[in-house]
Amino acid sequence: METQIKHLDFISSIGMFLISSYIIAESLRIHGEVGGPLYSSPGLLTLFLGSMLMLCSVLLFVKSLKKVGIKANVRAVRQWLGEFIKSKEVHNMLLGILILGLFVFILLPRFPFLLSSFIFLFILMKVMNAGSILKITIISICVSGSIFTLFQIIFKVPLP
């Protein structure tokens, strides 16, 4: 268990480094667009936070290398990635993301909210084997109708 945590430290340190690099680049872009001195730039706080995140990711990376070494970390990441790709849970997660994309980019722009949300919920629950078709249909209708009633009618918030 301890070595698995070290390998996850190796992976997460690389991920955090990439995220912090993006944060720093965007904060410098903000400073470039606004101009003026850096100490009064709206990107100063994000630059500071991105730099601190980068420092923490480098420290975590060095710590993971000291404990196990680069070859052992790379080998463990390859093994973990192979298991991750073959996992049924990962396939279900990716399918869920694909269905969400279908909802956002195809259904919502073309159909009314009630119909779009019903189709989305129905397909998602059917793919995830949430129950019988009758149960899925009833739940999809109730949830879509409840959301529509709560936001559109009670709170007067326009829905897409």
Protein backbone atom coordinates (compact mmCIF):
# COMPACT_ATOMS: atom_id res chain seq x y z
CA MET A 1 0.00 0.00 0.00
CA GLU A 2 2.84 2.37 0.88
CA THR A 3 4.57 1.93 -2.50
CA GLN A 4 1.27 2.49 -4.33
CA ILE A 5 0.89 5.82 -2.51
CA LYS A 6 4.41 6.80 -3.57
CA HIS A 7 3.57 6.02 -7.19
CA LEU A 8 0.39 8.06 -6.91
CA ASP A 9 2.54 10.88 -5.50
CA PHE A 10 4.67 10.63 -8.63
CA ILE A 11 1.62 10.85 -10.92
CA SER A 12 -0.09 13.62 -8.96
CA SER A 13 3.10 15.70 -8.79
CA ILE A 14 3.32 15.66 -12.59
CA GLY A 15 -0.36 16.58 -12.89
CA MET A 16 -0.01 19.41 -10.36
CA PHE A 17 3.05 20.72 -12.17
CA LEU A 18 1.14 20.88 -15.46
CA ILE A 19 -1.82 22.61 -13.81
CA SER A 20 0.43 25.11 -12.04
CA SER A 21 2.26 25.86 -15.30
CA TYR A 22 -1.08 26.68 -16.92
CA ILE A 23 -2.09 28.88 -13.97
CA ILE A 24 1.19 30.79 -14.12
CA ALA A 25 0.96 31.25 -17.90
CA GLU A 26 -2.61 32.55 -17.64
CA SER A 27 -1.78 34.94 -14.81
CA LEU A 28 1.11 36.34 -16.88
CA ARG A 29 -1.26 36.66 -19.85
CA ILE A 30 -3.69 38.62 -17.65
CA HIS A 31 -0.84 40.89 -16.55
CA GLY A 32 0.19 41.42 -20.17
CA GLU A 33 -3.34 42.36 -21.22
CA VAL A 34 -3.90 44.76 -18.34
CA GLY A 35 -0.41 46.21 -18.25
CA GLY A 36 1.04 48.31 -15.48
CA PRO A 37 3.24 47.13 -12.63
CA LEU A 38 3.05 43.49 -11.60
CA TYR A 39 2.27 44.29 -7.95
CA SER A 40 -1.04 45.89 -8.94
CA SER A 41 -1.99 43.35 -11.60
CA PRO A 42 -5.20 41.32 -11.19
CA GLY A 43 -3.11 38.24 -12.06
CA LEU A 44 -0.76 38.66 -9.09
CA LEU A 45 -2.68 36.40 -6.70
CA THR A 46 -3.05 33.63 -9.28
CA LEU A 47 0.65 33.99 -10.14
CA PHE A 48 1.53 33.57 -6.47
CA LEU A 49 -0.83 30.60 -5.99
CA GLY A 50 0.38 28.95 -9.20
CA SER A 51 4.00 29.39 -8.09
CA MET A 52 3.26 27.86 -4.68
CA LEU A 53 1.48 24.93 -6.33
CA MET A 54 4.45 24.45 -8.65
CA LEU A 55 6.85 24.49 -5.71
CA CYS A 56 4.75 21.89 -3.87
CA SER A 57 4.56 19.70 -6.97
CA VAL A 58 8.35 19.83 -7.44
CA LEU A 59 8.90 18.93 -3.78
CA LEU A 60 6.45 16.02 -4.04
CA PHE A 61 8.13 14.85 -7.27
CA VAL A 62 11.59 14.91 -5.66
CA LYS A 63 10.26 13.08 -2.59
CA SER A 64 8.71 10.36 -4.74
CA LEU A 65 11.96 9.93 -6.67
CA LYS A 66 14.03 9.67 -3.48
CA LYS A 67 11.82 6.95 -2.03
CA VAL A 68 11.43 4.65 -5.04
CA GLY A 69 13.42 5.97 -8.01
CA ILE A 70 12.43 6.97 -11.51
CA LYS A 71 12.45 3.48 -13.07
CA ALA A 72 10.25 1.97 -10.38
CA ASN A 73 7.85 4.91 -10.61
CA VAL A 74 7.58 4.69 -14.40
CA ARG A 75 7.10 0.92 -14.22
CA ALA A 76 4.39 1.29 -11.57
CA VAL A 77 2.65 4.04 -13.58
CA ARG A 78 2.62 1.84 -16.69
CA GLN A 79 1.16 -1.05 -14.72
CA TRP A 80 -1.43 1.20 -13.06
CA LEU A 81 -2.35 2.79 -16.39
CA GLY A 82 -2.86 -0.64 -17.98
CA GLU A 83 -5.21 -1.66 -15.17
CA PHE A 84 -6.93 1.73 -15.28
CA ILE A 85 -7.67 1.49 -19.01
CA LYS A 86 -9.07 -2.05 -18.70
CA SER A 87 -11.32 -1.14 -15.77
CA LYS A 88 -15.08 -1.36 -16.27
CA GLU A 89 -15.59 1.64 -13.99
CA VAL A 90 -13.39 3.75 -16.27
CA HIS A 91 -15.39 2.68 -19.32
CA ASN A 92 -18.63 3.60 -17.53
CA MET A 93 -17.18 6.96 -16.51
CA LEU A 94 -16.10 7.76 -20.08
CA LEU A 95 -19.48 6.68 -21.39
CA GLY A 96 -21.13 8.98 -18.85
CA ILE A 97 -18.96 11.87 -20.02
CA LEU A 98 -19.90 11.08 -23.63
CA ILE A 99 -23.62 11.09 -22.72
CA LEU A 100 -23.15 14.41 -20.89
CA GLY A 101 -21.52 15.83 -24.02
CA LEU A 102 -24.48 14.58 -26.06
CA PHE A 103 -26.80 16.43 -23.67
CA VAL A 104 -24.87 19.70 -23.66
CA PHE A 105 -23.85 19.96 -27.31
CA ILE A 106 -26.61 18.16 -29.19
CA LEU A 107 -29.82 17.86 -27.14
CA LEU A 108 -29.97 21.24 -25.32
CA PRO A 109 -29.42 23.41 -28.41
CA ARG A 110 -32.05 21.53 -30.47
CA PHE A 111 -34.84 20.58 -28.06
CA PRO A 112 -36.68 22.18 -25.12
CA PHE A 113 -35.13 21.71 -21.69
CA LEU A 114 -37.77 19.25 -20.46
CA LEU A 115 -37.33 16.91 -23.41
CA SER A 116 -33.53 17.23 -23.42
CA SER A 117 -33.20 16.50 -19.72
CA PHE A 118 -35.62 13.56 -19.95
CA ILE A 119 -33.64 11.99 -22.82
CA PHE A 120 -30.34 12.60 -21.02
CA LEU A 121 -31.50 11.07 -17.75
CA PHE A 122 -33.19 8.14 -19.48
CA ILE A 123 -30.11 7.24 -21.56
CA LEU A 124 -27.71 7.71 -18.65
CA MET A 125 -29.74 5.55 -16.26
CA LYS A 126 -30.34 2.89 -18.93
CA VAL A 127 -26.62 2.66 -19.71
CA MET A 128 -25.81 2.43 -16.01
CA ASN A 129 -28.47 -0.28 -15.49
CA ALA A 130 -30.34 1.77 -12.86
CA GLY A 131 -33.47 -0.38 -13.10
CA SER A 132 -36.31 -1.39 -15.35
CA ILE A 133 -37.44 0.77 -18.26
CA LEU A 134 -40.62 1.72 -16.40
CA LYS A 135 -38.70 2.79 -13.29
CA ILE A 136 -36.16 4.75 -15.36
CA THR A 137 -38.94 6.46 -17.31
CA ILE A 138 -40.82 7.48 -14.15
CA ILE A 139 -37.65 8.80 -12.46
CA SER A 140 -36.60 10.72 -15.58
CA ILE A 141 -40.03 12.36 -15.90
CA CYS A 142 -40.18 13.24 -12.19
CA VAL A 143 -36.66 14.67 -12.02
CA SER A 144 -36.99 16.68 -15.26
CA GLY A 145 -40.39 18.01 -14.22
CA SER A 146 -39.18 18.87 -10.72
CA ILE A 147 -36.15 20.78 -11.99
CA PHE A 148 -38.30 22.63 -14.52
CA THR A 149 -40.95 23.48 -11.92
CA LEU A 150 -38.45 24.55 -9.27
CA PHE A 151 -36.29 26.77 -11.44
CA GLN A 152 -38.56 27.97 -14.26
CA ILE A 153 -41.82 28.42 -12.37
CA ILE A 154 -40.96 28.94 -8.69
CA PHE A 155 -37.59 30.74 -8.89
CA LYS A 156 -38.32 32.32 -12.31
CA VAL A 157 -34.86 31.34 -13.61
CA PRO A 158 -34.81 30.90 -17.38
CA LEU A 159 -33.62 27.46 -18.43
CA PRO A 160 -31.88 26.75 -21.72
